[in-house]
Amino acid sequence: MKAISVNRALLCGIALAFGLSGVAQAKTFDLQNAGIEDIQAAVDAGALSYEKLTRLYLARIAAYDKKGPSLNTVITLNKKALDTARALDVEFKKKGRRSPLHGIPVLAKDNYDTADMPTSGGDFLLAKSVPYQDAPSIKQLRDAGAIILAKVNMDEFAHGGIGYSSRLGQTRNPHDPRRHPAGSSGGTGAGLAAWFAPLGLGSDTGGSIRGPSSANGIVGIKPTNGLISRTGIMPCVLTFDTGGPMARTVYDAALALGFMTGTDAKDPLSMTSAGHEFKDYTQFLKTGALQGVRVGVIRDLAGTDPEVDRVFNESLDELVKLGAVLVDDVHYPAIVMQNRSVAMEPIRSEVKDNYAAYLGTLRPGFPKTVTELAEQGIKLTAAKGEFQPHPSVFTRFKALGERPALTSISYTSAKQYAMPAVRGAVLGLMEEKNVDVLVYPTRSRQPELIDPLTPYIVDRPPTPSLTSIANVTQFPDVIVPAGITRDKMPVTISFFGPAWSEPKLLAYAYSYEQATHHRVAPSTTPPLPGERFEY
């Protein structure tokens, strides 16, 4: 009998060595690198449940959000997350998986309406404001089986770029907690980099998905405006606003995007997406997608940070190795650089009406206009305890309440002339240079150090950025990690193209990502026990 056992062991060893069929191959699950496909494969094998997965992410939040590096990302944890995960486990065993998002935890920026958790926009005045219903994009994700694990920090009312709010204070960058995570979707960016969840939601008015994606070294999609309904997402400047997915891989971001698209009669701009949207963007992800693609290289902000420039130049070399044809003499014409500001500033006049419309959907007892919001905020700021609002946030809202009407010449000129001028100039540039896509470094410099005395400093010069061009044109922009600086800070590149070009942009980003694998895990949030196992 002993000899037979030895022979069997020997045969099994030979079978494993040569990969013979019928012999199970051991697999390793590693939360640090697990994408959605890896998660679902482990669930299918019976090695992981959605409840266990949720517990693993909750343990990371417990270890690193208020302890350890104290990233300070989570405003509200979903108290029902584990109950939801258990119910989804039961459903999976009985009926199967609703979608590839079944049981997948999601971090939602705190300006997305959630009927089971407050939506504050990062402001203490709305700390107890629980919306009547989910935003359509939240509902669509929940219907697909996703779990909204937490609401995360943001710049107050999405007015800012450093991840600071009166509701929670300063969020920190997990790659270097002395630095900010950018904004306004800073909590989502930092939380995903620390792998508090595989998916997150951001919103973008001038770069608020892309800045945090870059500063934290993850993937972000600013879609064509109208591809995702903005109903139930607290507005900033609605003409430029859009929601969008953020993730740790291009595949996961593309997957989430498909479950967020769709027309919504309450958001007229979303009706323009009819016939342009897809429910599955993963079908476009191909590793050879950059072969022969003509890439217009934008260097208009070169010289801002030598380290960012170095990483960007290295990424261009990588694009060439992947078969891309670089067109390196591409610069935005003056009409683009000038008119993006000419367009954005007057259109801020609509904020008071945008907010009045949103505030009107809230329960009784909360401000209904930007003037009320400003007056209550100014009055209560002095009495506020632990965290102070950004010093300019309420005075800024007070000024917005005094802006000209939407019938003013400056506003109508911006909508009717400046925006189309920028859009036409970008399309004209691409046609003139005969390029398929424009590529540029998402952020022109590394995230700044947080001032410990005045983390919300008003007079800090903003990081020079080209991201607002996508908002003024309403075109899509896809962000992917491209490397790290000598200070171990991430750098990303942006793939920017015409309206509804998400399939191509995602294909380019995926091809680049799969060839380079530049995403790095922050050293401040290492793996915890139980996150890695074989099955």
Protein backbone atom coordinates (compact mmCIF):
# COMPACT_ATOMS: atom_id res chain seq x y z
CA MET A 1 0.00 0.00 0.00
CA LYS A 2 2.88 2.36 0.81
CA ALA A 3 4.42 1.77 -2.62
CA ILE A 4 1.07 2.47 -4.35
CA SER A 5 0.72 5.79 -2.45
CA VAL A 6 4.22 6.79 -3.48
CA ASN A 7 3.51 5.93 -7.12
CA ARG A 8 0.28 7.91 -7.07
CA ALA A 9 2.06 10.90 -5.57
CA LEU A 10 4.73 10.58 -8.26
CA LEU A 11 2.10 10.46 -11.02
CA CYS A 12 0.32 13.50 -9.60
CA GLY A 13 3.60 15.38 -9.50
CA ILE A 14 4.30 14.51 -13.12
CA ALA A 15 0.77 15.56 -14.11
CA LEU A 16 1.15 18.90 -12.36
CA ALA A 17 4.53 19.49 -13.96
CA PHE A 18 3.20 18.92 -17.46
CA GLY A 19 -0.21 20.55 -16.86
CA LEU A 20 -2.18 17.42 -17.74
CA SER A 21 -5.96 17.82 -17.83
CA GLY A 22 -8.01 16.52 -14.97
CA VAL A 23 -5.53 17.64 -12.31
CA ALA A 24 -6.54 20.82 -10.53
CA GLN A 25 -4.03 23.67 -10.66
CA ALA A 26 -3.53 25.63 -7.45
CA LYS A 27 -4.48 29.29 -7.73
CA THR A 28 -3.58 32.22 -5.52
CA PHE A 29 -6.00 34.95 -4.51
CA ASP A 30 -4.27 38.18 -3.59
CA LEU A 31 -6.52 41.07 -2.59
CA GLN A 32 -3.78 43.59 -3.33
CA ASN A 33 -3.86 42.71 -7.03
CA ALA A 34 -7.33 41.22 -7.35
CA GLY A 35 -9.55 42.65 -10.02
CA ILE A 36 -13.23 41.89 -10.39
CA GLU A 37 -12.56 38.85 -12.59
CA ASP A 38 -10.19 37.45 -9.95
CA ILE A 39 -12.78 38.00 -7.23
CA GLN A 40 -15.52 36.24 -9.16
CA ALA A 41 -13.22 33.35 -10.06
CA ALA A 42 -12.46 32.79 -6.36
CA VAL A 43 -16.18 32.94 -5.56
CA ASP A 44 -16.95 30.44 -8.32
CA ALA A 45 -14.36 28.07 -6.87
CA GLY A 46 -15.96 28.31 -3.43
CA ALA A 47 -12.83 29.84 -1.94
CA LEU A 48 -14.37 33.25 -1.31
CA SER A 49 -17.79 34.59 -0.39
CA TYR A 50 -19.07 38.12 -0.84
CA GLU A 51 -19.38 38.40 2.90
CA LYS A 52 -15.72 37.43 3.35
CA LEU A 53 -14.70 39.84 0.60
CA THR A 54 -16.59 42.69 2.27
CA ARG A 55 -14.99 41.84 5.62
CA LEU A 56 -11.54 41.97 4.05
CA TYR A 57 -12.17 45.49 2.73
CA LEU A 58 -13.73 46.61 6.02
CA ALA A 59 -10.65 45.34 7.84
CA ARG A 60 -8.44 47.47 5.60
CA ILE A 61 -10.57 50.52 6.30
CA ALA A 62 -10.37 49.80 10.04
CA ALA A 63 -6.58 49.41 9.87
CA TYR A 64 -5.66 52.35 7.67
CA ASP A 65 -8.41 54.96 7.47
CA LYS A 66 -8.43 56.33 11.02
CA LYS A 67 -5.40 54.36 12.21
CA GLY A 68 -1.96 53.76 10.74
CA PRO A 69 -1.39 56.40 8.05
CA SER A 70 -4.84 57.85 8.93
CA LEU A 71 -5.90 58.40 5.33
CA ASN A 72 -9.24 59.81 6.49
CA THR A 73 -11.28 58.85 3.44
CA VAL A 74 -14.53 57.42 4.82
CA ILE A 75 -17.34 59.75 5.82
CA THR A 76 -20.03 57.08 6.26
CA LEU A 77 -19.71 53.30 6.34
CA ASN A 78 -22.74 51.41 5.08
CA LYS A 79 -24.03 49.66 8.20
CA LYS A 80 -25.91 47.18 6.05
CA ALA A 81 -22.96 46.24 3.84
CA LEU A 82 -22.39 42.85 5.47
CA ASP A 83 -26.12 42.04 5.49
CA THR A 84 -26.25 42.92 1.80
CA ALA A 85 -23.20 40.76 1.10
CA ARG A 86 -24.74 37.79 2.92
CA ALA A 87 -27.97 38.19 0.98
CA LEU A 88 -26.02 38.32 -2.28
CA ASP A 89 -24.22 35.11 -1.28
CA VAL A 90 -27.56 33.37 -0.79
CA GLU A 91 -28.89 34.75 -4.06
CA PHE A 92 -25.78 33.61 -5.93
CA LYS A 93 -26.13 30.04 -4.64
CA LYS A 94 -29.84 29.90 -5.50
CA LYS A 95 -30.09 31.88 -8.74
CA GLY A 96 -26.59 32.61 -9.91
CA ARG A 97 -24.88 35.94 -10.46
CA ARG A 98 -26.91 39.02 -11.46
CA SER A 99 -23.97 40.49 -13.34
CA PRO A 100 -20.16 40.61 -13.11
CA LEU A 101 -20.66 43.31 -10.44
CA HIS A 102 -22.59 40.94 -8.16
CA GLY A 103 -21.20 41.34 -4.63
CA ILE A 104 -18.54 43.89 -5.59
CA PRO A 105 -17.98 46.69 -3.01
CA VAL A 106 -17.98 50.29 -4.27
CA LEU A 107 -16.78 53.55 -2.71
CA ALA A 108 -19.16 56.40 -3.59
CA LYS A 109 -18.16 60.04 -3.47
CA ASP A 110 -20.36 61.83 -0.95
CA ASN A 111 -22.18 63.84 -3.61
CA TYR A 112 -23.99 60.77 -4.99
CA ASP A 113 -27.49 60.41 -3.53
CA THR A 114 -27.94 57.25 -1.48
CA ALA A 115 -31.30 56.57 0.14
CA ASP A 116 -29.75 54.58 2.99
CA MET A 117 -26.89 56.94 3.90
CA PRO A 118 -26.51 60.73 4.17
CA THR A 119 -25.27 62.69 1.17
CA SER A 120 -23.51 65.81 2.39
CA GLY A 121 -21.21 66.95 -0.39
CA GLY A 122 -18.57 67.05 2.34
CA ASP A 123 -20.35 69.79 4.25
CA PHE A 124 -21.39 69.75 7.91
CA LEU A 125 -24.67 71.54 7.15
CA LEU A 126 -25.92 68.49 5.24
CA ALA A 127 -24.40 65.86 7.53
CA LYS A 128 -27.84 64.38 8.28
CA SER A 129 -29.38 64.83 4.85
CA VAL A 130 -30.61 61.43 3.68
CA PRO A 131 -32.04 61.64 0.14
CA TYR A 132 -35.43 60.21 -0.70
CA GLN A 133 -33.97 57.94 -3.38
CA ASP A 134 -30.75 56.73 -4.95
CA ALA A 135 -29.17 58.57 -7.84
CA PRO A 136 -29.91 56.62 -11.06
CA SER A 137 -26.25 55.59 -11.37
CA ILE A 138 -26.29 54.26 -7.79
CA LYS A 139 -29.53 52.39 -8.44
CA GLN A 140 -28.16 50.85 -11.62
CA LEU A 141 -25.08 49.60 -9.80
CA ARG A 142 -27.14 48.20 -6.93
CA ASP A 143 -29.49 46.51 -9.41
CA ALA A 144 -26.41 44.85 -10.90
CA GLY A 145 -25.57 43.49 -7.45
CA ALA A 146 -22.87 45.97 -6.40
CA ILE A 147 -22.54 46.90 -2.71
CA ILE A 148 -22.16 50.59 -1.84
CA LEU A 149 -19.61 50.03 0.91
CA ALA A 150 -19.02 53.62 1.99
CA LYS A 151 -19.49 57.30 1.19
CA VAL A 152 -16.10 58.96 0.96
CA ASN A 153 -14.62 62.40 1.42
CA MET A 154 -14.42 65.16 -1.17
CA ASP A 155 -13.66 68.84 -1.42
CA GLU A 156 -16.63 70.68 0.02
CA PHE A 157 -19.41 70.91 -2.60
CA ALA A 158 -16.74 69.80 -5.11
CA HIS A 159 -15.23 73.30 -4.93
CA GLY A 160 -11.52 72.60 -4.56
CA GLY A 161 -8.73 70.22 -5.42
CA ILE A 162 -7.03 69.01 -2.24
CA GLY A 163 -9.53 66.62 -0.60
CA TYR A 164 -10.56 68.77 2.36
CA SER A 165 -14.07 69.18 3.80
CA SER A 166 -15.70 70.53 6.93
CA ARG A 167 -17.46 67.18 7.28
CA LEU A 168 -14.28 65.11 7.66
CA GLY A 169 -11.21 67.28 7.35
CA GLN A 170 -8.19 66.43 5.18
CA THR A 171 -7.88 63.17 3.27
CA ARG A 172 -4.29 62.03 2.82
CA ASN A 173 -2.51 60.42 -0.09
CA PRO A 174 -1.61 56.78 0.72
CA HIS A 175 1.58 57.00 -1.36
CA ASP A 176 2.78 59.77 0.95
CA PRO A 177 0.39 60.85 3.74
CA ARG A 178 2.17 64.18 3.94
CA ARG A 179 0.66 65.02 0.56
CA HIS A 180 -2.90 65.66 -0.54
CA PRO A 181 -4.84 63.22 -2.75
CA ALA A 182 -6.01 65.96 -5.19
CA GLY A 183 -9.70 66.59 -5.63
CA SER A 184 -12.48 66.93 -5.58
CA SER A 185 -12.88 63.13 -5.70
CA GLY A 186 -9.89 62.75 -3.38
CA GLY A 187 -11.53 60.29 -0.99
CA THR A 188 -12.38 57.94 -3.85
CA GLY A 189 -8.87 58.15 -5.28
CA ALA A 190 -7.11 57.57 -1.97
CA GLY A 191 -9.49 54.79 -0.93
CA LEU A 192 -8.99 52.87 -4.16
CA ALA A 193 -5.20 53.26 -4.06
CA ALA A 194 -5.26 51.78 -0.55
CA TRP A 195 -7.56 49.06 -1.94
CA PHE A 196 -10.51 49.75 0.34
CA ALA A 197 -12.63 48.51 -2.60
CA PRO A 198 -12.07 47.56 -6.25
CA LEU A 199 -14.42 50.23 -7.60
CA GLY A 200 -15.27 53.85 -6.83
CA LEU A 201 -17.39 56.72 -8.08
CA GLY A 202 -16.27 60.26 -8.74
CA SER A 203 -17.63 63.37 -10.38
CA ASP A 204 -15.78 65.72 -12.69
CA THR A 205 -16.30 69.42 -13.49
CA GLY A 206 -12.78 70.47 -14.43
CA GLY A 207 -10.66 67.43 -13.57
CA SER A 208 -12.13 66.07 -10.34
CA ILE A 209 -12.03 62.42 -11.40
CA ARG A 210 -8.77 62.69 -13.27
CA GLY A 211 -6.72 64.69 -10.75
CA PRO A 212 -7.29 62.20 -7.90
CA SER A 213 -6.85 59.25 -10.27
CA SER A 214 -3.46 60.66 -11.20
CA ALA A 215 -2.35 61.71 -7.70
CA ASN A 216 -3.22 58.27 -6.31
CA GLY A 217 -2.09 56.21 -9.30
CA ILE A 218 -5.33 54.56 -10.39
CA VAL A 219 -7.62 54.44 -13.45
CA GLY A 220 -10.34 57.03 -14.03
CA ILE A 221 -12.90 57.73 -16.74
CA LYS A 222 -14.32 61.17 -17.42
CA PRO A 223 -16.99 60.10 -19.94
CA THR A 224 -18.62 62.15 -22.66
CA ASN A 225 -21.02 64.50 -20.89
CA GLY A 226 -24.45 62.92 -21.15
CA LEU A 227 -23.29 59.31 -21.18
CA ILE A 228 -24.17 59.02 -17.46
CA SER A 229 -27.19 60.66 -15.86
CA ARG A 230 -26.30 63.46 -13.45
CA THR A 231 -29.63 63.24 -11.64
CA GLY A 232 -28.98 62.67 -7.96
CA ILE A 233 -25.37 63.80 -8.14
CA MET A 234 -24.95 67.06 -6.24
CA PRO A 235 -24.10 69.65 -8.90
CA CYS A 236 -21.07 71.88 -9.14
CA VAL A 237 -21.41 73.50 -12.58
CA LEU A 238 -23.95 71.34 -14.33
CA THR A 239 -22.91 72.28 -17.88
CA PHE A 240 -19.50 70.72 -17.21
CA ASP A 241 -20.46 68.08 -14.62
CA THR A 242 -20.39 64.36 -15.15
CA GLY A 243 -20.17 61.30 -12.95
CA GLY A 244 -17.78 58.50 -13.76
CA PRO A 245 -16.12 55.32 -12.51
CA MET A 246 -12.71 55.09 -10.89
CA ALA A 247 -10.96 51.76 -10.41
CA ARG A 248 -7.65 49.99 -9.99
CA THR A 249 -7.66 48.52 -13.52
CA VAL A 250 -8.94 49.59 -16.92
CA TYR A 251 -11.04 46.42 -17.16
CA ASP A 252 -12.84 47.14 -13.90
CA ALA A 253 -13.47 50.80 -14.81
CA ALA A 254 -14.77 49.81 -18.25
CA LEU A 255 -17.02 47.18 -16.69
CA ALA A 256 -18.51 49.69 -14.24
CA LEU A 257 -19.05 52.29 -16.97
CA GLY A 258 -21.39 49.99 -18.86
CA PHE A 259 -23.64 49.62 -15.83
CA MET A 260 -23.82 53.39 -15.34
CA THR A 261 -24.86 54.47 -18.85
CA GLY A 262 -28.41 55.14 -20.00
CA THR A 263 -30.83 57.92 -20.79
CA ASP A 264 -32.76 59.73 -18.06
CA ALA A 265 -35.66 62.05 -18.82
CA LYS A 266 -34.78 64.13 -15.74
CA ASP A 267 -31.36 64.88 -17.24
CA PRO A 268 -31.92 66.18 -20.78
CA LEU A 269 -28.23 65.97 -21.66
CA SER A 270 -28.31 62.22 -21.09
CA MET A 271 -30.84 61.89 -23.90
CA THR A 272 -28.04 62.75 -26.35
CA SER A 273 -26.35 59.45 -25.48
CA ALA A 274 -29.09 57.37 -27.12
CA GLY A 275 -27.43 55.22 -29.75
CA HIS A 276 -23.96 56.04 -28.49
CA GLU A 277 -23.91 54.15 -25.19
CA PHE A 278 -22.91 50.55 -24.55
CA LYS A 279 -23.78 48.23 -21.70
CA ASP A 280 -20.49 46.37 -22.03
CA TYR A 281 -17.33 48.35 -22.69
CA THR A 282 -15.09 45.40 -21.87
CA GLN A 283 -15.77 44.05 -25.36
CA PHE A 284 -13.48 46.76 -26.75
CA LEU A 285 -10.46 45.92 -24.60
CA LYS A 286 -7.72 44.46 -26.78
CA THR A 287 -4.01 44.26 -26.03
CA GLY A 288 -2.89 45.21 -29.56
CA ALA A 289 -5.13 48.23 -29.84
CA LEU A 290 -2.29 50.78 -30.12
CA GLN A 291 -0.74 49.21 -33.21
CA GLY A 292 -0.69 51.86 -35.95
CA VAL A 293 -2.63 54.42 -33.88
CA ARG A 294 -1.54 58.01 -34.52
CA VAL A 295 -1.04 59.68 -31.15
CA GLY A 296 -0.93 63.45 -30.84
CA VAL A 297 1.45 64.37 -27.99
CA ILE A 298 0.42 67.43 -25.98
CA ARG A 299 3.33 69.13 -24.19
CA ASP A 300 1.79 72.52 -23.49
CA LEU A 301 2.61 72.33 -19.76
CA ALA A 302 6.03 70.70 -20.08
CA GLY A 303 8.56 72.10 -17.63
CA THR A 304 6.19 72.38 -14.67
CA ASP A 305 7.73 69.34 -12.92
CA PRO A 306 10.85 67.62 -14.36
CA GLU A 307 9.92 64.30 -12.76
CA VAL A 308 6.46 64.28 -14.34
CA ASP A 309 8.08 65.17 -17.66
CA ARG A 310 10.54 62.28 -17.30
CA VAL A 311 7.84 59.71 -16.62
CA PHE A 312 5.71 61.09 -19.45
CA ASN A 313 8.59 60.83 -21.91
CA GLU A 314 9.21 57.25 -20.84
CA SER A 315 5.53 56.46 -21.39
CA LEU A 316 5.80 57.84 -24.93
CA ASP A 317 8.68 55.45 -25.62
CA GLU A 318 6.46 52.63 -24.37
CA LEU A 319 3.65 53.70 -26.70
CA VAL A 320 6.05 53.52 -29.63
CA LYS A 321 7.11 50.00 -28.63
CA LEU A 322 3.42 49.07 -28.68
CA GLY A 323 3.14 50.20 -32.28
CA ALA A 324 1.79 53.73 -31.85
CA VAL A 325 2.90 56.46 -34.24
CA LEU A 326 3.73 59.63 -32.31
CA VAL A 327 2.95 63.05 -33.74
CA ASP A 328 5.03 65.18 -31.42
CA ASP A 329 4.44 68.74 -32.63
CA VAL A 330 0.88 69.10 -31.38
CA HIS A 331 -0.09 72.15 -29.34
CA TYR A 332 -3.49 73.46 -28.40
CA PRO A 333 -4.14 76.68 -30.31
CA ALA A 334 -4.63 79.92 -28.39
CA ILE A 335 -8.39 79.76 -28.94
CA VAL A 336 -8.50 76.58 -26.83
CA MET A 337 -6.29 77.82 -24.01
CA GLN A 338 -8.05 81.18 -23.77
CA ASN A 339 -11.65 80.20 -24.39
CA ARG A 340 -11.71 77.37 -21.86
CA SER A 341 -11.47 80.04 -19.14
CA VAL A 342 -13.76 82.38 -21.07
CA ALA A 343 -16.32 79.57 -21.12
CA MET A 344 -15.94 78.26 -17.58
CA GLU A 345 -16.09 81.46 -15.55
CA PRO A 346 -19.44 82.93 -16.80
CA ILE A 347 -21.10 79.52 -16.69
CA ARG A 348 -20.51 79.43 -12.95
CA SER A 349 -23.52 81.73 -12.84
CA GLU A 350 -25.73 78.67 -13.20
CA VAL A 351 -24.52 77.20 -9.88
CA LYS A 352 -27.17 79.02 -7.87
CA ASP A 353 -29.94 77.58 -10.07
CA ASN A 354 -28.32 74.14 -10.23
CA TYR A 355 -28.09 74.04 -6.44
CA ALA A 356 -31.57 75.40 -5.90
CA ALA A 357 -32.86 72.54 -8.05
CA TYR A 358 -30.85 69.98 -6.07
CA LEU A 359 -31.57 71.45 -2.63
CA GLY A 360 -35.25 71.44 -3.52
CA THR A 361 -35.14 67.64 -3.58
CA LEU A 362 -33.98 67.40 0.05
CA ARG A 363 -36.09 66.71 3.09
CA PRO A 364 -37.44 69.63 5.17
CA GLY A 365 -35.02 71.47 7.42
CA PHE A 366 -32.14 71.94 4.98
CA PRO A 367 -31.16 75.04 2.98
CA LYS A 368 -33.06 75.49 -0.27
CA THR A 369 -30.90 78.11 -2.03
CA VAL A 370 -27.19 78.91 -2.26
CA THR A 371 -27.91 82.13 -0.34
CA GLU A 372 -29.42 80.17 2.57
CA LEU A 373 -26.55 77.71 2.34
CA ALA A 374 -24.01 80.53 2.52
CA GLU A 375 -25.74 82.43 5.32
CA GLN A 376 -26.17 79.35 7.52
CA GLY A 377 -22.62 78.26 6.85
CA ILE A 378 -21.12 81.65 7.67
CA LYS A 379 -23.20 81.87 10.85
CA LEU A 380 -22.32 78.38 12.08
CA THR A 381 -18.67 78.27 11.03
CA ALA A 382 -17.54 80.12 14.16
CA ALA A 383 -19.37 77.61 16.34
CA LYS A 384 -18.11 74.59 14.41
CA GLY A 385 -15.89 72.31 16.46
CA GLU A 386 -13.26 69.94 15.15
CA PHE A 387 -13.16 70.79 11.44
CA GLN A 388 -13.58 74.18 9.86
CA PRO A 389 -15.01 74.61 6.39
CA HIS A 390 -12.72 75.76 3.63
CA PRO A 391 -12.53 79.51 4.46
CA SER A 392 -13.80 80.51 1.05
CA VAL A 393 -16.53 77.96 0.56
CA PHE A 394 -19.47 79.90 2.01
CA THR A 395 -18.31 83.34 0.93
CA ARG A 396 -17.90 81.84 -2.52
CA PHE A 397 -21.45 80.52 -2.40
CA LYS A 398 -22.67 83.92 -1.23
CA ALA A 399 -21.01 85.48 -4.26
CA LEU A 400 -22.52 82.83 -6.51
CA GLY A 401 -25.94 83.77 -5.22
CA GLU A 402 -25.33 87.31 -6.42
CA ARG A 403 -24.22 86.29 -9.93
CA PRO A 404 -25.95 87.62 -13.08
CA ALA A 405 -28.97 85.75 -14.39
CA LEU A 406 -28.55 82.95 -16.91
CA THR A 407 -29.87 85.33 -19.54
CA SER A 408 -26.80 87.57 -19.20
CA ILE A 409 -24.71 88.22 -22.29
CA SER A 410 -21.56 86.74 -20.73
CA TYR A 411 -23.36 83.48 -19.90
CA THR A 412 -25.09 83.05 -23.26
CA SER A 413 -21.87 83.97 -25.08
CA ALA A 414 -19.97 81.32 -23.16
CA LYS A 415 -22.56 78.67 -23.98
CA GLN A 416 -23.15 79.66 -27.59
CA TYR A 417 -19.69 80.78 -28.69
CA ALA A 418 -16.82 79.96 -26.32
CA MET A 419 -17.71 76.30 -25.76
CA PRO A 420 -18.30 75.54 -29.47
CA ALA A 421 -15.09 77.40 -30.31
CA VAL A 422 -13.03 75.17 -28.02
CA ARG A 423 -14.80 72.05 -29.25
CA GLY A 424 -14.26 72.97 -32.88
CA ALA A 425 -10.62 73.89 -32.33
CA VAL A 426 -9.85 70.55 -30.67
CA LEU A 427 -11.52 68.60 -33.47
CA GLY A 428 -9.77 70.81 -36.03
CA LEU A 429 -6.41 70.17 -34.39
CA MET A 430 -6.93 66.40 -34.50
CA GLU A 431 -7.98 66.59 -38.14
CA GLU A 432 -5.08 68.85 -39.11
CA LYS A 433 -2.51 66.57 -37.46
CA ASN A 434 -4.35 63.44 -38.59
CA VAL A 435 -4.29 61.87 -35.12
CA ASP A 436 -6.62 59.32 -33.56
CA VAL A 437 -6.10 60.41 -29.95
CA LEU A 438 -4.40 63.09 -27.89
CA VAL A 439 -2.14 62.09 -24.99
CA TYR A 440 -0.88 64.30 -22.17
CA PRO A 441 0.29 63.95 -18.54
CA THR A 442 -2.91 64.18 -16.48
CA ARG A 443 -1.35 66.33 -13.76
CA SER A 444 1.59 68.55 -14.61
CA ARG A 445 3.19 68.14 -11.17
CA GLN A 446 3.24 65.84 -8.18
CA PRO A 447 0.74 66.35 -5.33
CA GLU A 448 1.81 69.13 -2.97
CA LEU A 449 2.59 68.70 0.70
CA ILE A 450 -0.29 69.40 3.07
CA ASP A 451 0.20 72.52 5.16
CA PRO A 452 -0.43 71.22 8.71
CA LEU A 453 -1.58 74.64 9.95
CA THR A 454 -3.80 75.61 7.04
CA PRO A 455 -4.55 72.45 5.02
CA TYR A 456 -7.32 74.30 3.21
CA ILE A 457 -5.08 77.24 2.22
CA VAL A 458 -6.94 79.49 -0.24
CA ASP A 459 -4.02 81.22 -1.89
CA ARG A 460 -2.20 78.07 -3.00
CA PRO A 461 -1.52 78.38 -6.73
CA PRO A 462 -3.52 75.68 -8.54
CA THR A 463 -1.64 72.97 -10.38
CA PRO A 464 -1.47 73.94 -14.06
CA SER A 465 -3.81 71.56 -15.83
CA LEU A 466 -5.29 70.77 -19.21
CA THR A 467 -8.11 68.61 -17.85
CA SER A 468 -10.78 71.33 -18.09
CA ILE A 469 -10.59 71.15 -21.89
CA ALA A 470 -12.46 67.84 -21.72
CA ASN A 471 -15.21 69.51 -19.68
CA VAL A 472 -15.58 72.54 -21.95
CA THR A 473 -15.69 70.30 -25.04
CA GLN A 474 -17.70 67.68 -23.12
CA PHE A 475 -15.36 65.03 -24.62
CA PRO A 476 -14.15 61.83 -22.85
CA ASP A 477 -10.78 61.39 -21.15
CA VAL A 478 -9.40 58.07 -19.85
CA ILE A 479 -6.60 57.99 -17.27
CA VAL A 480 -4.10 55.17 -16.71
CA PRO A 481 -0.97 54.83 -14.51
CA ALA A 482 2.30 55.53 -16.38
CA GLY A 483 5.00 55.23 -13.71
CA ILE A 484 6.30 56.82 -10.54
CA THR A 485 8.61 59.69 -9.72
CA ARG A 486 11.79 59.46 -7.66
CA ASP A 487 9.64 60.52 -4.69
CA LYS A 488 7.51 57.39 -5.28
CA MET A 489 4.51 59.44 -6.42
CA PRO A 490 2.33 58.16 -9.29
CA VAL A 491 2.11 59.79 -12.71
CA THR A 492 -0.68 59.03 -15.19
CA ILE A 493 -1.30 59.72 -18.84
CA SER A 494 -4.61 60.77 -20.34
CA PHE A 495 -6.08 59.42 -23.55
CA PHE A 496 -8.35 62.21 -24.83
CA GLY A 497 -10.66 62.04 -27.84
CA PRO A 498 -13.92 63.19 -29.48
CA ALA A 499 -17.42 62.66 -28.12
CA TRP A 500 -18.50 59.04 -27.70
CA SER A 501 -14.98 57.70 -28.36
CA GLU A 502 -14.88 55.77 -25.07
CA PRO A 503 -14.51 52.38 -26.84
CA LYS A 504 -11.29 53.48 -28.57
CA LEU A 505 -9.87 55.36 -25.58
CA LEU A 506 -10.47 52.41 -23.28
CA ALA A 507 -8.86 50.06 -25.80
CA TYR A 508 -5.76 52.27 -25.99
CA ALA A 509 -5.56 52.59 -22.19
CA TYR A 510 -6.02 48.84 -21.72
CA SER A 511 -3.36 47.99 -24.28
CA TYR A 512 -0.92 50.33 -22.55
CA GLU A 513 -1.80 49.09 -19.06
CA GLN A 514 -1.45 45.42 -19.92
CA ALA A 515 1.97 45.97 -21.48
CA THR A 516 3.40 48.12 -18.69
CA HIS A 517 1.61 47.36 -15.38
CA HIS A 518 2.66 50.65 -13.79
CA ARG A 519 0.18 50.69 -10.92
CA VAL A 520 2.02 50.47 -7.60
CA ALA A 521 0.72 49.66 -4.13
CA PRO A 522 1.33 52.32 -1.46
CA SER A 523 3.87 51.27 1.16
CA THR A 524 1.73 52.80 3.93
CA THR A 525 -1.13 50.31 3.48
CA PRO A 526 0.49 46.85 3.26
CA PRO A 527 -1.42 43.57 3.02
CA LEU A 528 -3.20 42.28 6.11
CA PRO A 529 -3.47 38.67 7.30
CA GLY A 530 -5.99 36.64 5.33
CA GLU A 531 -5.84 38.73 2.15
CA ARG A 532 -3.74 36.17 0.30
CA PHE A 533 -4.61 32.49 0.06
CA GLU A 534 -4.39 29.53 -2.29
CA TYR A 535 -7.33 27.52 -3.54
